[in-house]
Amino acid sequence: MKWIVLYLVVINLVAFYLMAEDKRRAKKQSWRIPEKTLFLAALLGGSVGAWLGMYLCHHKTKHWYFVVGIPLILAIQVVLAWMIGGKGYVA
C-alpha cells in the first residue's frame, strides 16, 4: 500500500511540474510539452497534479478538452479506486 501512495505522490508531482513547465515555455515561446504527454501523466494517476497545475498556473484552462478531460479522468480514477478498494465493488 505504501508503494501505491508513493507512486501517486510522485506521478502527481510530475504532472504538476509538466503543466507548470509547459506554461513557462509558452510564455518564453519555447519548445512545448505535447498535450498528449500532459494527458498521459493524468491518465497514469497524476490527474490531481494536472488539475492543480492547470488552475494554479492558469494553463490550458481555455481548452475545453482539458477543462472537461482532466476532471473526467480524476472522477473515473476516484470511482475505480473506490471500487477496487472494496467499498463498492459489484461482481
N, C-alpha and C. Protein backbone atom coordinates (compact mmCIF):
# COMPACT_ATOMS: atom_id res chain seq x y z
N MET A 1 0.82 -1.20 0.00
CA MET A 1 0.00 0.00 0.00
C MET A 1 0.86 1.26 0.00
N LYS A 2 1.97 1.25 0.76
CA LYS A 2 2.80 2.46 0.81
C LYS A 2 3.45 2.74 -0.54
N TRP A 3 3.69 1.69 -1.35
CA TRP A 3 4.26 1.89 -2.69
C TRP A 3 3.26 2.57 -3.61
N ILE A 4 2.01 2.24 -3.44
CA ILE A 4 0.97 2.88 -4.26
C ILE A 4 0.87 4.37 -3.91
N VAL A 5 0.89 4.66 -2.63
CA VAL A 5 0.82 6.06 -2.19
C VAL A 5 2.04 6.82 -2.69
N LEU A 6 3.21 6.22 -2.56
CA LEU A 6 4.44 6.86 -3.04
C LEU A 6 4.36 7.12 -4.54
N TYR A 7 3.90 6.11 -5.29
CA TYR A 7 3.74 6.27 -6.74
C TYR A 7 2.80 7.44 -7.06
N LEU A 8 1.66 7.49 -6.38
CA LEU A 8 0.69 8.55 -6.64
C LEU A 8 1.23 9.93 -6.31
N VAL A 9 1.99 10.03 -5.23
CA VAL A 9 2.61 11.31 -4.89
C VAL A 9 3.58 11.74 -6.00
N VAL A 10 4.42 10.80 -6.43
CA VAL A 10 5.42 11.12 -7.45
C VAL A 10 4.76 11.48 -8.78
N ILE A 11 3.80 10.68 -9.24
CA ILE A 11 3.18 10.95 -10.55
C ILE A 11 2.39 12.26 -10.52
N ASN A 12 1.82 12.61 -9.38
CA ASN A 12 1.10 13.89 -9.28
C ASN A 12 2.06 15.06 -9.28
N LEU A 13 3.21 14.90 -8.64
CA LEU A 13 4.24 15.95 -8.70
C LEU A 13 4.75 16.11 -10.12
N VAL A 14 4.94 15.00 -10.82
CA VAL A 14 5.39 15.05 -12.22
C VAL A 14 4.35 15.76 -13.08
N ALA A 15 3.08 15.40 -12.92
CA ALA A 15 2.02 16.02 -13.71
C ALA A 15 1.93 17.52 -13.45
N PHE A 16 2.05 17.91 -12.18
CA PHE A 16 2.03 19.33 -11.83
C PHE A 16 3.22 20.03 -12.47
N TYR A 17 4.39 19.43 -12.35
CA TYR A 17 5.60 20.01 -12.95
C TYR A 17 5.44 20.18 -14.46
N LEU A 18 4.90 19.17 -15.13
CA LEU A 18 4.72 19.26 -16.59
C LEU A 18 3.82 20.42 -16.97
N MET A 19 2.74 20.62 -16.23
CA MET A 19 1.84 21.75 -16.51
C MET A 19 2.56 23.08 -16.28
N ALA A 20 3.26 23.18 -15.16
CA ALA A 20 3.97 24.42 -14.85
C ALA A 20 5.08 24.70 -15.85
N GLU A 21 5.80 23.67 -16.23
CA GLU A 21 6.90 23.82 -17.20
C GLU A 21 6.37 24.20 -18.57
N ASP A 22 5.25 23.59 -18.98
CA ASP A 22 4.67 23.94 -20.28
C ASP A 22 4.20 25.39 -20.28
N LYS A 23 3.65 25.85 -19.17
CA LYS A 23 3.23 27.25 -19.06
C LYS A 23 4.45 28.17 -19.17
N ARG A 24 5.54 27.80 -18.47
CA ARG A 24 6.77 28.60 -18.53
C ARG A 24 7.28 28.67 -19.96
N ARG A 25 7.28 27.53 -20.63
CA ARG A 25 7.75 27.50 -22.03
C ARG A 25 6.83 28.28 -22.95
N ALA A 26 5.55 28.26 -22.69
CA ALA A 26 4.60 29.02 -23.51
C ALA A 26 4.89 30.52 -23.41
N LYS A 27 5.17 30.97 -22.20
CA LYS A 27 5.49 32.38 -22.01
C LYS A 27 6.77 32.78 -22.74
N LYS A 28 7.74 31.85 -22.79
CA LYS A 28 9.01 32.12 -23.46
C LYS A 28 8.97 31.83 -24.95
N GLN A 29 7.83 31.36 -25.43
CA GLN A 29 7.67 30.94 -26.83
C GLN A 29 8.74 29.93 -27.21
N SER A 30 8.92 28.96 -26.32
CA SER A 30 9.91 27.92 -26.49
C SER A 30 9.23 26.61 -26.88
N TRP A 31 10.03 25.57 -27.10
CA TRP A 31 9.51 24.24 -27.41
C TRP A 31 8.57 23.80 -26.31
N ARG A 32 7.40 23.27 -26.68
CA ARG A 32 6.33 22.94 -25.72
C ARG A 32 6.26 21.45 -25.44
N ILE A 33 5.68 21.13 -24.32
CA ILE A 33 5.42 19.75 -23.95
C ILE A 33 4.14 19.33 -24.69
N PRO A 34 4.18 18.21 -25.41
CA PRO A 34 2.97 17.79 -26.17
C PRO A 34 1.77 17.59 -25.25
N GLU A 35 0.59 17.96 -25.76
CA GLU A 35 -0.64 17.81 -24.97
C GLU A 35 -0.89 16.35 -24.61
N LYS A 36 -0.52 15.44 -25.50
CA LYS A 36 -0.74 14.02 -25.18
C LYS A 36 0.13 13.59 -24.00
N THR A 37 1.28 14.22 -23.80
CA THR A 37 2.12 13.92 -22.63
C THR A 37 1.45 14.41 -21.36
N LEU A 38 0.83 15.58 -21.43
CA LEU A 38 0.12 16.12 -20.27
C LEU A 38 -1.06 15.21 -19.89
N PHE A 39 -1.80 14.76 -20.90
CA PHE A 39 -2.91 13.85 -20.65
C PHE A 39 -2.41 12.49 -20.15
N LEU A 40 -1.30 12.01 -20.69
CA LEU A 40 -0.76 10.72 -20.27
C LEU A 40 -0.38 10.75 -18.79
N ALA A 41 0.23 11.83 -18.35
CA ALA A 41 0.59 11.96 -16.94
C ALA A 41 -0.67 11.89 -16.07
N ALA A 42 -1.74 12.52 -16.52
CA ALA A 42 -3.01 12.46 -15.77
C ALA A 42 -3.57 11.05 -15.78
N LEU A 43 -3.54 10.40 -16.93
CA LEU A 43 -4.06 9.04 -17.04
C LEU A 43 -3.28 8.03 -16.20
N LEU A 44 -2.01 8.28 -16.01
CA LEU A 44 -1.17 7.37 -15.23
C LEU A 44 -1.32 7.58 -13.73
N GLY A 45 -2.26 8.41 -13.33
CA GLY A 45 -2.53 8.62 -11.92
C GLY A 45 -2.26 10.03 -11.43
N GLY A 46 -1.81 10.89 -12.32
CA GLY A 46 -1.47 12.26 -11.92
C GLY A 46 -2.55 13.27 -12.20
N SER A 47 -3.80 12.86 -12.16
CA SER A 47 -4.89 13.78 -12.51
C SER A 47 -5.04 14.92 -11.50
N VAL A 48 -4.78 14.66 -10.23
CA VAL A 48 -4.87 15.73 -9.23
C VAL A 48 -3.78 16.77 -9.49
N GLY A 49 -2.56 16.31 -9.73
CA GLY A 49 -1.46 17.22 -10.03
C GLY A 49 -1.69 18.01 -11.30
N ALA A 50 -2.22 17.35 -12.33
CA ALA A 50 -2.51 18.04 -13.59
C ALA A 50 -3.60 19.09 -13.39
N TRP A 51 -4.64 18.73 -12.64
CA TRP A 51 -5.74 19.66 -12.38
C TRP A 51 -5.24 20.87 -11.58
N LEU A 52 -4.46 20.60 -10.53
CA LEU A 52 -3.90 21.71 -9.75
C LEU A 52 -2.97 22.58 -10.60
N GLY A 53 -2.17 21.95 -11.44
CA GLY A 53 -1.27 22.70 -12.32
C GLY A 53 -2.03 23.58 -13.28
N MET A 54 -3.15 23.06 -13.80
CA MET A 54 -3.97 23.86 -14.71
C MET A 54 -4.44 25.15 -14.05
N TYR A 55 -4.96 25.01 -12.84
CA TYR A 55 -5.59 26.16 -12.21
C TYR A 55 -4.63 27.04 -11.42
N LEU A 56 -3.63 26.47 -10.81
CA LEU A 56 -2.66 27.30 -10.09
C LEU A 56 -1.73 28.05 -11.04
N CYS A 57 -1.45 27.45 -12.20
CA CYS A 57 -0.58 28.09 -13.19
C CYS A 57 -1.37 28.78 -14.30
N HIS A 58 -2.70 28.70 -14.22
CA HIS A 58 -3.58 29.27 -15.25
C HIS A 58 -3.16 28.79 -16.64
N HIS A 59 -3.09 27.48 -16.79
CA HIS A 59 -2.61 26.89 -18.03
C HIS A 59 -3.61 25.89 -18.57
N LYS A 60 -3.93 26.00 -19.84
CA LYS A 60 -4.85 25.12 -20.56
C LYS A 60 -6.30 25.26 -20.08
N THR A 61 -6.60 26.32 -19.36
CA THR A 61 -7.95 26.49 -18.83
C THR A 61 -8.94 27.01 -19.87
N LYS A 62 -8.45 27.37 -21.05
CA LYS A 62 -9.35 27.82 -22.11
C LYS A 62 -9.56 26.75 -23.16
N HIS A 63 -8.93 25.60 -22.95
CA HIS A 63 -9.09 24.48 -23.87
C HIS A 63 -10.13 23.53 -23.29
N TRP A 64 -11.28 23.41 -23.94
CA TRP A 64 -12.38 22.63 -23.38
C TRP A 64 -11.98 21.19 -23.10
N TYR A 65 -11.11 20.64 -23.93
CA TYR A 65 -10.75 19.23 -23.74
C TYR A 65 -9.89 19.03 -22.50
N PHE A 66 -9.22 20.07 -22.01
CA PHE A 66 -8.52 19.98 -20.73
C PHE A 66 -9.49 20.26 -19.58
N VAL A 67 -10.33 21.28 -19.74
CA VAL A 67 -11.28 21.66 -18.70
C VAL A 67 -12.25 20.52 -18.40
N VAL A 68 -12.62 19.76 -19.42
CA VAL A 68 -13.52 18.62 -19.25
C VAL A 68 -12.72 17.34 -19.00
N GLY A 69 -11.66 17.14 -19.77
CA GLY A 69 -10.93 15.88 -19.75
C GLY A 69 -10.21 15.57 -18.45
N ILE A 70 -9.50 16.53 -17.89
CA ILE A 70 -8.73 16.27 -16.67
C ILE A 70 -9.66 15.95 -15.49
N PRO A 71 -10.71 16.74 -15.23
CA PRO A 71 -11.62 16.36 -14.14
C PRO A 71 -12.34 15.03 -14.40
N LEU A 72 -12.63 14.72 -15.66
CA LEU A 72 -13.26 13.45 -16.00
C LEU A 72 -12.32 12.28 -15.69
N ILE A 73 -11.06 12.42 -16.04
CA ILE A 73 -10.07 11.40 -15.70
C ILE A 73 -10.00 11.24 -14.19
N LEU A 74 -9.97 12.34 -13.47
CA LEU A 74 -9.92 12.30 -12.00
C LEU A 74 -11.14 11.58 -11.44
N ALA A 75 -12.32 11.90 -11.93
CA ALA A 75 -13.55 11.26 -11.44
C ALA A 75 -13.54 9.76 -11.70
N ILE A 76 -13.10 9.36 -12.88
CA ILE A 76 -13.02 7.94 -13.20
C ILE A 76 -12.02 7.24 -12.29
N GLN A 77 -10.89 7.87 -12.03
CA GLN A 77 -9.89 7.27 -11.16
C GLN A 77 -10.40 7.14 -9.73
N VAL A 78 -11.14 8.12 -9.26
CA VAL A 78 -11.70 8.04 -7.91
C VAL A 78 -12.70 6.89 -7.82
N VAL A 79 -13.56 6.76 -8.81
CA VAL A 79 -14.55 5.67 -8.82
C VAL A 79 -13.84 4.32 -8.88
N LEU A 80 -12.84 4.18 -9.74
CA LEU A 80 -12.10 2.92 -9.84
C LEU A 80 -11.39 2.58 -8.52
N ALA A 81 -10.78 3.57 -7.89
CA ALA A 81 -10.10 3.34 -6.61
C ALA A 81 -11.10 2.91 -5.56
N TRP A 82 -12.27 3.52 -5.56
CA TRP A 82 -13.32 3.16 -4.61
C TRP A 82 -13.79 1.73 -4.84
N MET A 83 -13.97 1.37 -6.11
CA MET A 83 -14.41 0.02 -6.44
C MET A 83 -13.32 -1.02 -6.10
N ILE A 84 -12.10 -0.73 -6.43
CA ILE A 84 -11.01 -1.66 -6.16
C ILE A 84 -10.77 -1.79 -4.66
N GLY A 85 -10.98 -0.70 -3.95
CA GLY A 85 -10.80 -0.71 -2.50
C GLY A 85 -11.84 -1.53 -1.77
N GLY A 86 -12.83 -2.06 -2.49
CA GLY A 86 -13.82 -2.93 -1.87
C GLY A 86 -15.04 -2.22 -1.33
N LYS A 87 -15.08 -0.91 -1.45
CA LYS A 87 -16.20 -0.16 -0.87
C LYS A 87 -17.46 -0.27 -1.74
N GLY A 88 -17.27 -0.49 -3.01
CA GLY A 88 -18.45 -0.51 -3.87
C GLY A 88 -18.32 -1.52 -4.99
N TYR A 89 -17.49 -2.49 -4.81
CA TYR A 89 -17.27 -3.48 -5.87
C TYR A 89 -18.52 -4.31 -6.08
N VAL A 90 -18.96 -4.33 -7.32
CA VAL A 90 -20.13 -5.12 -7.68
C VAL A 90 -19.67 -6.22 -8.62
N ALA A 91 -19.85 -7.46 -8.20
CA ALA A 91 -19.41 -8.60 -9.01
C ALA A 91 -20.52 -9.10 -9.88
